[in-house]
Amino acid sequence: PTTYEHIPPETVGNARIVPMSNQAGQSNL
């Protein structure tokens, strides 16, 4: 996760989201 996140989201009570869209690939899925 540290590749694209500057802090762990749960540190501030947030959550990671990997949206689905027409740009998505199998990694997102």
mmCIF file of all heavy atoms, coordinates in Angstrom:
data_MODEL
# 
_entry.id   MODEL 
# 
loop_
_atom_site.group_PDB 
_atom_site.id 
_atom_site.type_symbol 
_atom_site.label_atom_id 
_atom_site.label_alt_id 
_atom_site.label_comp_id 
_atom_site.label_asym_id 
_atom_site.label_entity_id 
_atom_site.label_seq_id 
_atom_site.pdbx_PDB_ins_code 
_atom_site.Cartn_x 
_atom_site.Cartn_y 
_atom_site.Cartn_z 
_atom_site.occupancy 
_atom_site.B_iso_or_equiv 
_atom_site.pdbx_formal_charge 
_atom_site.auth_seq_id 
_atom_site.auth_comp_id 
_atom_site.auth_asym_id 
_atom_site.auth_atom_id 
_atom_site.pdbx_PDB_model_num 
ATOM 1   N N   . PRO A 1 1  ? 0.799   -1.239  0.000   1.00 0.00 ? 1  PRO A N   1 
ATOM 2   C CA  . PRO A 1 1  ? 0.000   0.000   0.000   1.00 0.00 ? 1  PRO A CA  1 
ATOM 3   C C   . PRO A 1 1  ? 0.825   1.280   0.000   1.00 0.00 ? 1  PRO A C   1 
ATOM 4   O O   . PRO A 1 1  ? 0.352   2.318   -0.467  1.00 0.00 ? 1  PRO A O   1 
ATOM 5   C CB  . PRO A 1 1  ? -0.831  -0.120  1.281   1.00 0.00 ? 1  PRO A CB  1 
ATOM 6   C CG  . PRO A 1 1  ? -0.915  -1.578  1.548   1.00 0.00 ? 1  PRO A CG  1 
ATOM 7   C CD  . PRO A 1 1  ? 0.410   -2.142  1.096   1.00 0.00 ? 1  PRO A CD  1 
ATOM 8   N N   . THR A 1 2  ? 2.058   1.214   0.511   1.00 0.00 ? 2  THR A N   1 
ATOM 9   C CA  . THR A 1 2  ? 2.859   2.441   0.584   1.00 0.00 ? 2  THR A CA  1 
ATOM 10  C C   . THR A 1 2  ? 3.300   2.931   -0.788  1.00 0.00 ? 2  THR A C   1 
ATOM 11  O O   . THR A 1 2  ? 3.828   4.044   -0.898  1.00 0.00 ? 2  THR A O   1 
ATOM 12  C CB  . THR A 1 2  ? 4.108   2.238   1.472   1.00 0.00 ? 2  THR A CB  1 
ATOM 13  O OG1 . THR A 1 2  ? 4.930   1.214   0.897   1.00 0.00 ? 2  THR A OG1 1 
ATOM 14  C CG2 . THR A 1 2  ? 3.706   1.837   2.882   1.00 0.00 ? 2  THR A CG2 1 
ATOM 15  N N   . THR A 1 3  ? 3.074   2.127   -1.827  1.00 0.00 ? 3  THR A N   1 
ATOM 16  C CA  . THR A 1 3  ? 3.448   2.585   -3.171  1.00 0.00 ? 3  THR A CA  1 
ATOM 17  C C   . THR A 1 3  ? 2.648   3.807   -3.595  1.00 0.00 ? 3  THR A C   1 
ATOM 18  O O   . THR A 1 3  ? 3.153   4.652   -4.347  1.00 0.00 ? 3  THR A O   1 
ATOM 19  C CB  . THR A 1 3  ? 3.249   1.466   -4.199  1.00 0.00 ? 3  THR A CB  1 
ATOM 20  O OG1 . THR A 1 3  ? 1.909   0.941   -4.082  1.00 0.00 ? 3  THR A OG1 1 
ATOM 21  C CG2 . THR A 1 3  ? 4.252   0.339   -4.015  1.00 0.00 ? 3  THR A CG2 1 
ATOM 22  N N   . TYR A 1 4  ? 1.391   3.905   -3.147  1.00 0.00 ? 4  TYR A N   1 
ATOM 23  C CA  . TYR A 1 4  ? 0.558   5.049   -3.527  1.00 0.00 ? 4  TYR A CA  1 
ATOM 24  C C   . TYR A 1 4  ? -0.190  5.670   -2.347  1.00 0.00 ? 4  TYR A C   1 
ATOM 25  O O   . TYR A 1 4  ? -1.115  6.441   -2.554  1.00 0.00 ? 4  TYR A O   1 
ATOM 26  C CB  . TYR A 1 4  ? -0.450  4.645   -4.614  1.00 0.00 ? 4  TYR A CB  1 
ATOM 27  C CG  . TYR A 1 4  ? 0.191   4.504   -5.977  1.00 0.00 ? 4  TYR A CG  1 
ATOM 28  C CD1 . TYR A 1 4  ? 0.619   3.259   -6.441  1.00 0.00 ? 4  TYR A CD1 1 
ATOM 29  C CD2 . TYR A 1 4  ? 0.382   5.608   -6.809  1.00 0.00 ? 4  TYR A CD2 1 
ATOM 30  C CE1 . TYR A 1 4  ? 1.214   3.122   -7.679  1.00 0.00 ? 4  TYR A CE1 1 
ATOM 31  C CE2 . TYR A 1 4  ? 0.966   5.487   -8.050  1.00 0.00 ? 4  TYR A CE2 1 
ATOM 32  C CZ  . TYR A 1 4  ? 1.382   4.242   -8.485  1.00 0.00 ? 4  TYR A CZ  1 
ATOM 33  O OH  . TYR A 1 4  ? 1.973   4.114   -9.721  1.00 0.00 ? 4  TYR A OH  1 
ATOM 34  N N   . GLU A 1 5  ? 0.201   5.325   -1.117  1.00 0.00 ? 5  GLU A N   1 
ATOM 35  C CA  . GLU A 1 5  ? -0.433  5.917   0.060   1.00 0.00 ? 5  GLU A CA  1 
ATOM 36  C C   . GLU A 1 5  ? 0.623   6.502   0.976   1.00 0.00 ? 5  GLU A C   1 
ATOM 37  O O   . GLU A 1 5  ? 1.570   5.807   1.355   1.00 0.00 ? 5  GLU A O   1 
ATOM 38  C CB  . GLU A 1 5  ? -1.265  4.870   0.811   1.00 0.00 ? 5  GLU A CB  1 
ATOM 39  C CG  . GLU A 1 5  ? -2.513  4.436   0.055   1.00 0.00 ? 5  GLU A CG  1 
ATOM 40  C CD  . GLU A 1 5  ? -3.298  3.356   0.770   1.00 0.00 ? 5  GLU A CD  1 
ATOM 41  O OE1 . GLU A 1 5  ? -2.808  2.818   1.785   1.00 0.00 ? 5  GLU A OE1 1 
ATOM 42  O OE2 . GLU A 1 5  ? -4.408  3.035   0.300   1.00 0.00 ? 5  GLU A OE2 1 
ATOM 43  N N   . HIS A 1 6  ? 0.442   7.770   1.337   1.00 0.00 ? 6  HIS A N   1 
ATOM 44  C CA  . HIS A 1 6  ? 1.466   8.437   2.159   1.00 0.00 ? 6  HIS A CA  1 
ATOM 45  C C   . HIS A 1 6  ? 1.332   8.086   3.634   1.00 0.00 ? 6  HIS A C   1 
ATOM 46  O O   . HIS A 1 6  ? 2.279   8.254   4.393   1.00 0.00 ? 6  HIS A O   1 
ATOM 47  C CB  . HIS A 1 6  ? 1.422   9.955   1.954   1.00 0.00 ? 6  HIS A CB  1 
ATOM 48  C CG  . HIS A 1 6  ? 0.166   10.617  2.424   1.00 0.00 ? 6  HIS A CG  1 
ATOM 49  N ND1 . HIS A 1 6  ? 0.129   11.456  3.511   1.00 0.00 ? 6  HIS A ND1 1 
ATOM 50  C CD2 . HIS A 1 6  ? -1.110  10.565  1.957   1.00 0.00 ? 6  HIS A CD2 1 
ATOM 51  C CE1 . HIS A 1 6  ? -1.094  11.903  3.691   1.00 0.00 ? 6  HIS A CE1 1 
ATOM 52  N NE2 . HIS A 1 6  ? -1.876  11.376  2.758   1.00 0.00 ? 6  HIS A NE2 1 
ATOM 53  N N   . ILE A 1 7  ? 0.117   7.614   4.062   1.00 0.00 ? 7  ILE A N   1 
ATOM 54  C CA  . ILE A 1 7  ? -0.071  7.100   5.421   1.00 0.00 ? 7  ILE A CA  1 
ATOM 55  C C   . ILE A 1 7  ? -1.070  5.947   5.336   1.00 0.00 ? 7  ILE A C   1 
ATOM 56  O O   . ILE A 1 7  ? -1.848  5.873   4.376   1.00 0.00 ? 7  ILE A O   1 
ATOM 57  C CB  . ILE A 1 7  ? -0.616  8.166   6.398   1.00 0.00 ? 7  ILE A CB  1 
ATOM 58  C CG1 . ILE A 1 7  ? -2.023  8.610   5.965   1.00 0.00 ? 7  ILE A CG1 1 
ATOM 59  C CG2 . ILE A 1 7  ? 0.328   9.349   6.545   1.00 0.00 ? 7  ILE A CG2 1 
ATOM 60  C CD1 . ILE A 1 7  ? -2.797  9.361   7.022   1.00 0.00 ? 7  ILE A CD1 1 
ATOM 61  N N   . PRO A 1 8  ? -1.101  5.051   6.316   1.00 0.00 ? 8  PRO A N   1 
ATOM 62  C CA  . PRO A 1 8  ? -2.174  4.056   6.358   1.00 0.00 ? 8  PRO A CA  1 
ATOM 63  C C   . PRO A 1 8  ? -3.503  4.764   6.611   1.00 0.00 ? 8  PRO A C   1 
ATOM 64  O O   . PRO A 1 8  ? -3.626  5.545   7.560   1.00 0.00 ? 8  PRO A O   1 
ATOM 65  C CB  . PRO A 1 8  ? -1.800  3.154   7.547   1.00 0.00 ? 8  PRO A CB  1 
ATOM 66  C CG  . PRO A 1 8  ? -0.337  3.407   7.776   1.00 0.00 ? 8  PRO A CG  1 
ATOM 67  C CD  . PRO A 1 8  ? -0.103  4.834   7.394   1.00 0.00 ? 8  PRO A CD  1 
ATOM 68  N N   . PRO A 1 9  ? -4.529  4.540   5.796   1.00 0.00 ? 9  PRO A N   1 
ATOM 69  C CA  . PRO A 1 9  ? -5.787  5.290   5.931   1.00 0.00 ? 9  PRO A CA  1 
ATOM 70  C C   . PRO A 1 9  ? -6.455  5.129   7.291   1.00 0.00 ? 9  PRO A C   1 
ATOM 71  O O   . PRO A 1 9  ? -7.073  6.068   7.798   1.00 0.00 ? 9  PRO A O   1 
ATOM 72  C CB  . PRO A 1 9  ? -6.670  4.734   4.805   1.00 0.00 ? 9  PRO A CB  1 
ATOM 73  C CG  . PRO A 1 9  ? -6.012  3.476   4.351   1.00 0.00 ? 9  PRO A CG  1 
ATOM 74  C CD  . PRO A 1 9  ? -4.562  3.629   4.639   1.00 0.00 ? 9  PRO A CD  1 
ATOM 75  N N   . GLU A 1 10 ? -6.305  3.947   7.918   1.00 0.00 ? 10 GLU A N   1 
ATOM 76  C CA  . GLU A 1 10 ? -6.964  3.724   9.200   1.00 0.00 ? 10 GLU A CA  1 
ATOM 77  C C   . GLU A 1 10 ? -6.380  4.596   10.308  1.00 0.00 ? 10 GLU A C   1 
ATOM 78  O O   . GLU A 1 10 ? -6.996  4.765   11.368  1.00 0.00 ? 10 GLU A O   1 
ATOM 79  C CB  . GLU A 1 10 ? -6.887  2.251   9.595   1.00 0.00 ? 10 GLU A CB  1 
ATOM 80  C CG  . GLU A 1 10 ? -5.487  1.696   9.751   1.00 0.00 ? 10 GLU A CG  1 
ATOM 81  C CD  . GLU A 1 10 ? -4.888  1.177   8.444   1.00 0.00 ? 10 GLU A CD  1 
ATOM 82  O OE1 . GLU A 1 10 ? -5.476  1.458   7.359   1.00 0.00 ? 10 GLU A OE1 1 
ATOM 83  O OE2 . GLU A 1 10 ? -3.842  0.494   8.507   1.00 0.00 ? 10 GLU A OE2 1 
ATOM 84  N N   . THR A 1 11 ? -5.202  5.173   10.099  1.00 0.00 ? 11 THR A N   1 
ATOM 85  C CA  . THR A 1 11 ? -4.579  6.049   11.092  1.00 0.00 ? 11 THR A CA  1 
ATOM 86  C C   . THR A 1 11 ? -5.486  7.230   11.441  1.00 0.00 ? 11 THR A C   1 
ATOM 87  O O   . THR A 1 11 ? -5.507  7.697   12.584  1.00 0.00 ? 11 THR A O   1 
ATOM 88  C CB  . THR A 1 11 ? -3.225  6.572   10.585  1.00 0.00 ? 11 THR A CB  1 
ATOM 89  O OG1 . THR A 1 11 ? -2.424  5.477   10.168  1.00 0.00 ? 11 THR A OG1 1 
ATOM 90  C CG2 . THR A 1 11 ? -2.489  7.353   11.662  1.00 0.00 ? 11 THR A CG2 1 
ATOM 91  N N   . VAL A 1 12 ? -6.220  7.722   10.438  1.00 0.00 ? 12 VAL A N   1 
ATOM 92  C CA  . VAL A 1 12 ? -7.134  8.847   10.659  1.00 0.00 ? 12 VAL A CA  1 
ATOM 93  C C   . VAL A 1 12 ? -8.596  8.400   10.609  1.00 0.00 ? 12 VAL A C   1 
ATOM 94  O O   . VAL A 1 12 ? -9.506  9.235   10.537  1.00 0.00 ? 12 VAL A O   1 
ATOM 95  C CB  . VAL A 1 12 ? -6.884  9.972   9.633   1.00 0.00 ? 12 VAL A CB  1 
ATOM 96  C CG1 . VAL A 1 12 ? -5.533  10.619  9.859   1.00 0.00 ? 12 VAL A CG1 1 
ATOM 97  C CG2 . VAL A 1 12 ? -7.006  9.446   8.201   1.00 0.00 ? 12 VAL A CG2 1 
ATOM 98  N N   . GLY A 1 13 ? -8.821  7.085   10.609  1.00 0.00 ? 13 GLY A N   1 
ATOM 99  C CA  . GLY A 1 13 ? -10.185 6.573   10.574  1.00 0.00 ? 13 GLY A CA  1 
ATOM 100 C C   . GLY A 1 13 ? -10.772 6.476   9.192   1.00 0.00 ? 13 GLY A C   1 
ATOM 101 O O   . GLY A 1 13 ? -11.988 6.341   9.033   1.00 0.00 ? 13 GLY A O   1 
ATOM 102 N N   . ASN A 1 14 ? -9.929  6.517   8.169   1.00 0.00 ? 14 ASN A N   1 
ATOM 103 C CA  . ASN A 1 14 ? -10.402 6.420   6.785   1.00 0.00 ? 14 ASN A CA  1 
ATOM 104 C C   . ASN A 1 14 ? -10.223 4.992   6.277   1.00 0.00 ? 14 ASN A C   1 
ATOM 105 O O   . ASN A 1 14 ? -9.772  4.115   7.017   1.00 0.00 ? 14 ASN A O   1 
ATOM 106 C CB  . ASN A 1 14 ? -9.666  7.426   5.890   1.00 0.00 ? 14 ASN A CB  1 
ATOM 107 C CG  . ASN A 1 14 ? -10.550 7.968   4.768   1.00 0.00 ? 14 ASN A CG  1 
ATOM 108 O OD1 . ASN A 1 14 ? -11.482 7.302   4.320   1.00 0.00 ? 14 ASN A OD1 1 
ATOM 109 N ND2 . ASN A 1 14 ? -10.264 9.164   4.323   1.00 0.00 ? 14 ASN A ND2 1 
ATOM 110 N N   . ALA A 1 15 ? -10.544 4.754   5.025   1.00 0.00 ? 15 ALA A N   1 
ATOM 111 C CA  . ALA A 1 15 ? -10.447 3.410   4.462   1.00 0.00 ? 15 ALA A CA  1 
ATOM 112 C C   . ALA A 1 15 ? -9.986  3.482   3.015   1.00 0.00 ? 15 ALA A C   1 
ATOM 113 O O   . ALA A 1 15 ? -10.268 4.449   2.300   1.00 0.00 ? 15 ALA A O   1 
ATOM 114 C CB  . ALA A 1 15 ? -11.792 2.701   4.537   1.00 0.00 ? 15 ALA A CB  1 
ATOM 115 N N   . ARG A 1 16 ? -9.291  2.462   2.606   1.00 0.00 ? 16 ARG A N   1 
ATOM 116 C CA  . ARG A 1 16 ? -8.820  2.347   1.222   1.00 0.00 ? 16 ARG A CA  1 
ATOM 117 C C   . ARG A 1 16 ? -9.980  1.959   0.316   1.00 0.00 ? 16 ARG A C   1 
ATOM 118 O O   . ARG A 1 16 ? -10.810 1.125   0.661   1.00 0.00 ? 16 ARG A O   1 
ATOM 119 C CB  . ARG A 1 16 ? -7.718  1.304   1.139   1.00 0.00 ? 16 ARG A CB  1 
ATOM 120 C CG  . ARG A 1 16 ? -7.131  1.083   -0.245  1.00 0.00 ? 16 ARG A CG  1 
ATOM 121 C CD  . ARG A 1 16 ? -6.002  0.072   -0.188  1.00 0.00 ? 16 ARG A CD  1 
ATOM 122 N NE  . ARG A 1 16 ? -4.977  0.495   0.758   1.00 0.00 ? 16 ARG A NE  1 
ATOM 123 C CZ  . ARG A 1 16 ? -4.679  -0.179  1.864   1.00 0.00 ? 16 ARG A CZ  1 
ATOM 124 N NH1 . ARG A 1 16 ? -5.301  -1.298  2.158   1.00 0.00 ? 16 ARG A NH1 1 
ATOM 125 N NH2 . ARG A 1 16 ? -3.750  0.280   2.692   1.00 0.00 ? 16 ARG A NH2 1 
ATOM 126 N N   . ILE A 1 17 ? -10.051 2.575   -0.867  1.00 0.00 ? 17 ILE A N   1 
ATOM 127 C CA  . ILE A 1 17 ? -11.066 2.234   -1.859  1.00 0.00 ? 17 ILE A CA  1 
ATOM 128 C C   . ILE A 1 17 ? -10.376 1.989   -3.196  1.00 0.00 ? 17 ILE A C   1 
ATOM 129 O O   . ILE A 1 17 ? -9.536  2.780   -3.622  1.00 0.00 ? 17 ILE A O   1 
ATOM 130 C CB  . ILE A 1 17 ? -12.100 3.371   -2.027  1.00 0.00 ? 17 ILE A CB  1 
ATOM 131 C CG1 . ILE A 1 17 ? -12.883 3.579   -0.726  1.00 0.00 ? 17 ILE A CG1 1 
ATOM 132 C CG2 . ILE A 1 17 ? -13.059 3.071   -3.162  1.00 0.00 ? 17 ILE A CG2 1 
ATOM 133 C CD1 . ILE A 1 17 ? -13.853 4.740   -0.790  1.00 0.00 ? 17 ILE A CD1 1 
ATOM 134 N N   . VAL A 1 18 ? -10.717 0.879   -3.830  1.00 0.00 ? 18 VAL A N   1 
ATOM 135 C CA  . VAL A 1 18 ? -10.260 0.614   -5.197  1.00 0.00 ? 18 VAL A CA  1 
ATOM 136 C C   . VAL A 1 18 ? -11.509 0.646   -6.072  1.00 0.00 ? 18 VAL A C   1 
ATOM 137 O O   . VAL A 1 18 ? -12.230 -0.344  -6.174  1.00 0.00 ? 18 VAL A O   1 
ATOM 138 C CB  . VAL A 1 18 ? -9.546  -0.739  -5.309  1.00 0.00 ? 18 VAL A CB  1 
ATOM 139 C CG1 . VAL A 1 18 ? -9.064  -0.962  -6.733  1.00 0.00 ? 18 VAL A CG1 1 
ATOM 140 C CG2 . VAL A 1 18 ? -8.361  -0.795  -4.346  1.00 0.00 ? 18 VAL A CG2 1 
ATOM 141 N N   . PRO A 1 19 ? -11.828 1.790   -6.668  1.00 0.00 ? 19 PRO A N   1 
ATOM 142 C CA  . PRO A 1 19 ? -13.063 1.912   -7.428  1.00 0.00 ? 19 PRO A CA  1 
ATOM 143 C C   . PRO A 1 19 ? -13.059 1.024   -8.672  1.00 0.00 ? 19 PRO A C   1 
ATOM 144 O O   . PRO A 1 19 ? -12.008 0.679   -9.207  1.00 0.00 ? 19 PRO A O   1 
ATOM 145 C CB  . PRO A 1 19 ? -13.096 3.393   -7.835  1.00 0.00 ? 19 PRO A CB  1 
ATOM 146 C CG  . PRO A 1 19 ? -12.090 4.070   -6.972  1.00 0.00 ? 19 PRO A CG  1 
ATOM 147 C CD  . PRO A 1 19 ? -11.053 3.037   -6.686  1.00 0.00 ? 19 PRO A CD  1 
ATOM 148 N N   . MET A 1 20 ? -14.256 0.680   -9.110  1.00 0.00 ? 20 MET A N   1 
ATOM 149 C CA  . MET A 1 20 ? -14.404 -0.020  -10.376 1.00 0.00 ? 20 MET A CA  1 
ATOM 150 C C   . MET A 1 20 ? -14.886 0.971   -11.414 1.00 0.00 ? 20 MET A C   1 
ATOM 151 O O   . MET A 1 20 ? -15.785 1.761   -11.166 1.00 0.00 ? 20 MET A O   1 
ATOM 152 C CB  . MET A 1 20 ? -15.413 -1.159  -10.242 1.00 0.00 ? 20 MET A CB  1 
ATOM 153 C CG  . MET A 1 20 ? -14.914 -2.309  -9.396  1.00 0.00 ? 20 MET A CG  1 
ATOM 154 S SD  . MET A 1 20 ? -13.309 -2.951  -9.926  1.00 0.00 ? 20 MET A SD  1 
ATOM 155 C CE  . MET A 1 20 ? -13.647 -3.370  -11.630 1.00 0.00 ? 20 MET A CE  1 
ATOM 156 N N   . SER A 1 21 ? -14.282 0.922   -12.601 1.00 0.00 ? 21 SER A N   1 
ATOM 157 C CA  . SER A 1 21 ? -14.673 1.814   -13.685 1.00 0.00 ? 21 SER A CA  1 
ATOM 158 C C   . SER A 1 21 ? -14.222 1.196   -14.986 1.00 0.00 ? 21 SER A C   1 
ATOM 159 O O   . SER A 1 21 ? -13.586 0.142   -15.016 1.00 0.00 ? 21 SER A O   1 
ATOM 160 C CB  . SER A 1 21 ? -14.008 3.190   -13.518 1.00 0.00 ? 21 SER A CB  1 
ATOM 161 O OG  . SER A 1 21 ? -12.625 3.093   -13.806 1.00 0.00 ? 21 SER A OG  1 
ATOM 162 N N   . ASN A 1 22 ? -14.534 1.879   -16.085 1.00 0.00 ? 22 ASN A N   1 
ATOM 163 C CA  . ASN A 1 22 ? -14.127 1.332   -17.378 1.00 0.00 ? 22 ASN A CA  1 
ATOM 164 C C   . ASN A 1 22 ? -12.632 1.454   -17.619 1.00 0.00 ? 22 ASN A C   1 
ATOM 165 O O   . ASN A 1 22 ? -12.138 1.032   -18.656 1.00 0.00 ? 22 ASN A O   1 
ATOM 166 C CB  . ASN A 1 22 ? -14.923 1.995   -18.518 1.00 0.00 ? 22 ASN A CB  1 
ATOM 167 C CG  . ASN A 1 22 ? -14.733 3.505   -18.539 1.00 0.00 ? 22 ASN A CG  1 
ATOM 168 O OD1 . ASN A 1 22 ? -13.823 4.030   -17.906 1.00 0.00 ? 22 ASN A OD1 1 
ATOM 169 N ND2 . ASN A 1 22 ? -15.607 4.196   -19.248 1.00 0.00 ? 22 ASN A ND2 1 
ATOM 170 N N   . GLN A 1 23 ? -11.891 2.023   -16.661 1.00 0.00 ? 23 GLN A N   1 
ATOM 171 C CA  . GLN A 1 23 ? -10.432 2.025   -16.736 1.00 0.00 ? 23 GLN A CA  1 
ATOM 172 C C   . GLN A 1 23 ? -9.831  0.861   -15.946 1.00 0.00 ? 23 GLN A C   1 
ATOM 173 O O   . GLN A 1 23 ? -8.631  0.667   -15.926 1.00 0.00 ? 23 GLN A O   1 
ATOM 174 C CB  . GLN A 1 23 ? -9.874  3.331   -16.161 1.00 0.00 ? 23 GLN A CB  1 
ATOM 175 C CG  . GLN A 1 23 ? -10.279 4.581   -16.929 1.00 0.00 ? 23 GLN A CG  1 
ATOM 176 C CD  . GLN A 1 23 ? -9.597  5.814   -16.366 1.00 0.00 ? 23 GLN A CD  1 
ATOM 177 O OE1 . GLN A 1 23 ? -8.433  5.786   -16.004 1.00 0.00 ? 23 GLN A OE1 1 
ATOM 178 N NE2 . GLN A 1 23 ? -10.338 6.901   -16.315 1.00 0.00 ? 23 GLN A NE2 1 
ATOM 179 N N   . ALA A 1 24 ? -10.699 0.108   -15.266 1.00 0.00 ? 24 ALA A N   1 
ATOM 180 C CA  . ALA A 1 24 ? -10.216 -0.881  -14.314 1.00 0.00 ? 24 ALA A CA  1 
ATOM 181 C C   . ALA A 1 24 ? -9.647  -2.108  -14.993 1.00 0.00 ? 24 ALA A C   1 
ATOM 182 O O   . ALA A 1 24 ? -10.042 -2.490  -16.086 1.00 0.00 ? 24 ALA A O   1 
ATOM 183 C CB  . ALA A 1 24 ? -11.354 -1.285  -13.391 1.00 0.00 ? 24 ALA A CB  1 
ATOM 184 N N   . GLY A 1 25 ? -8.731  -2.756  -14.319 1.00 0.00 ? 25 GLY A N   1 
ATOM 185 C CA  . GLY A 1 25 ? -8.189  -4.032  -14.750 1.00 0.00 ? 25 GLY A CA  1 
ATOM 186 C C   . GLY A 1 25 ? -8.420  -5.063  -13.671 1.00 0.00 ? 25 GLY A C   1 
ATOM 187 O O   . GLY A 1 25 ? -9.109  -4.813  -12.679 1.00 0.00 ? 25 GLY A O   1 
ATOM 188 N N   . GLN A 1 26 ? -7.833  -6.235  -13.855 1.00 0.00 ? 26 GLN A N   1 
ATOM 189 C CA  . GLN A 1 26 ? -8.065  -7.320  -12.909 1.00 0.00 ? 26 GLN A CA  1 
ATOM 190 C C   . GLN A 1 26 ? -7.440  -7.043  -11.551 1.00 0.00 ? 26 GLN A C   1 
ATOM 191 O O   . GLN A 1 26 ? -7.907  -7.564  -10.539 1.00 0.00 ? 26 GLN A O   1 
ATOM 192 C CB  . GLN A 1 26 ? -7.552  -8.637  -13.494 1.00 0.00 ? 26 GLN A CB  1 
ATOM 193 C CG  . GLN A 1 26 ? -8.403  -9.133  -14.651 1.00 0.00 ? 26 GLN A CG  1 
ATOM 194 C CD  . GLN A 1 26 ? -8.162  -10.601 -14.974 1.00 0.00 ? 26 GLN A CD  1 
ATOM 195 O OE1 . GLN A 1 26 ? -7.332  -11.265 -14.360 1.00 0.00 ? 26 GLN A OE1 1 
ATOM 196 N NE2 . GLN A 1 26 ? -8.891  -11.101 -15.964 1.00 0.00 ? 26 GLN A NE2 1 
ATOM 197 N N   . SER A 1 27 ? -6.401  -6.213  -11.483 1.00 0.00 ? 27 SER A N   1 
ATOM 198 C CA  . SER A 1 27 ? -5.805  -5.880  -10.186 1.00 0.00 ? 27 SER A CA  1 
ATOM 199 C C   . SER A 1 27 ? -6.803  -5.119  -9.326  1.00 0.00 ? 27 SER A C   1 
ATOM 200 O O   . SER A 1 27 ? -6.982  -5.406  -8.140  1.00 0.00 ? 27 SER A O   1 
ATOM 201 C CB  . SER A 1 27 ? -4.538  -5.046  -10.378 1.00 0.00 ? 27 SER A CB  1 
ATOM 202 O OG  . SER A 1 27 ? -3.540  -5.787  -11.037 1.00 0.00 ? 27 SER A OG  1 
ATOM 203 N N   . ASN A 1 28 ? -7.473  -4.109  -9.938  1.00 0.00 ? 28 ASN A N   1 
ATOM 204 C CA  . ASN A 1 28 ? -8.509  -3.387  -9.202  1.00 0.00 ? 28 ASN A CA  1 
ATOM 205 C C   . ASN A 1 28 ? -9.601  -4.331  -8.745  1.00 0.00 ? 28 ASN A C   1 
ATOM 206 O O   . ASN A 1 28 ? -10.055 -4.279  -7.600  1.00 0.00 ? 28 ASN A O   1 
ATOM 207 C CB  . ASN A 1 28 ? -9.159  -2.313  -10.094 1.00 0.00 ? 28 ASN A CB  1 
ATOM 208 C CG  . ASN A 1 28 ? -8.216  -1.233  -10.509 1.00 0.00 ? 28 ASN A CG  1 
ATOM 209 O OD1 . ASN A 1 28 ? -7.171  -1.509  -11.077 1.00 0.00 ? 28 ASN A OD1 1 
ATOM 210 N ND2 . ASN A 1 28 ? -8.602  0.004   -10.267 1.00 0.00 ? 28 ASN A ND2 1 
ATOM 211 N N   . LEU A 1 29 ? -10.017 -5.200  -9.671  1.00 0.00 ? 29 LEU A N   1 
ATOM 212 C CA  . LEU A 1 29 ? -11.121 -6.099  -9.386  1.00 0.00 ? 29 LEU A CA  1 
ATOM 213 C C   . LEU A 1 29 ? -10.783 -7.060  -8.250  1.00 0.00 ? 29 LEU A C   1 
ATOM 214 O O   . LEU A 1 29 ? -11.568 -7.248  -7.314  1.00 0.00 ? 29 LEU A O   1 
ATOM 215 C CB  . LEU A 1 29 ? -11.491 -6.878  -10.646 1.00 0.00 ? 29 LEU A CB  1 
ATOM 216 C CG  . LEU A 1 29 ? -12.659 -7.848  -10.540 1.00 0.00 ? 29 LEU A CG  1 
ATOM 217 C CD1 . LEU A 1 29 ? -13.902 -7.126  -10.067 1.00 0.00 ? 29 LEU A CD1 1 
ATOM 218 C CD2 . LEU A 1 29 ? -12.893 -8.526  -11.875 1.00 0.00 ? 29 LEU A CD2 1 
# 
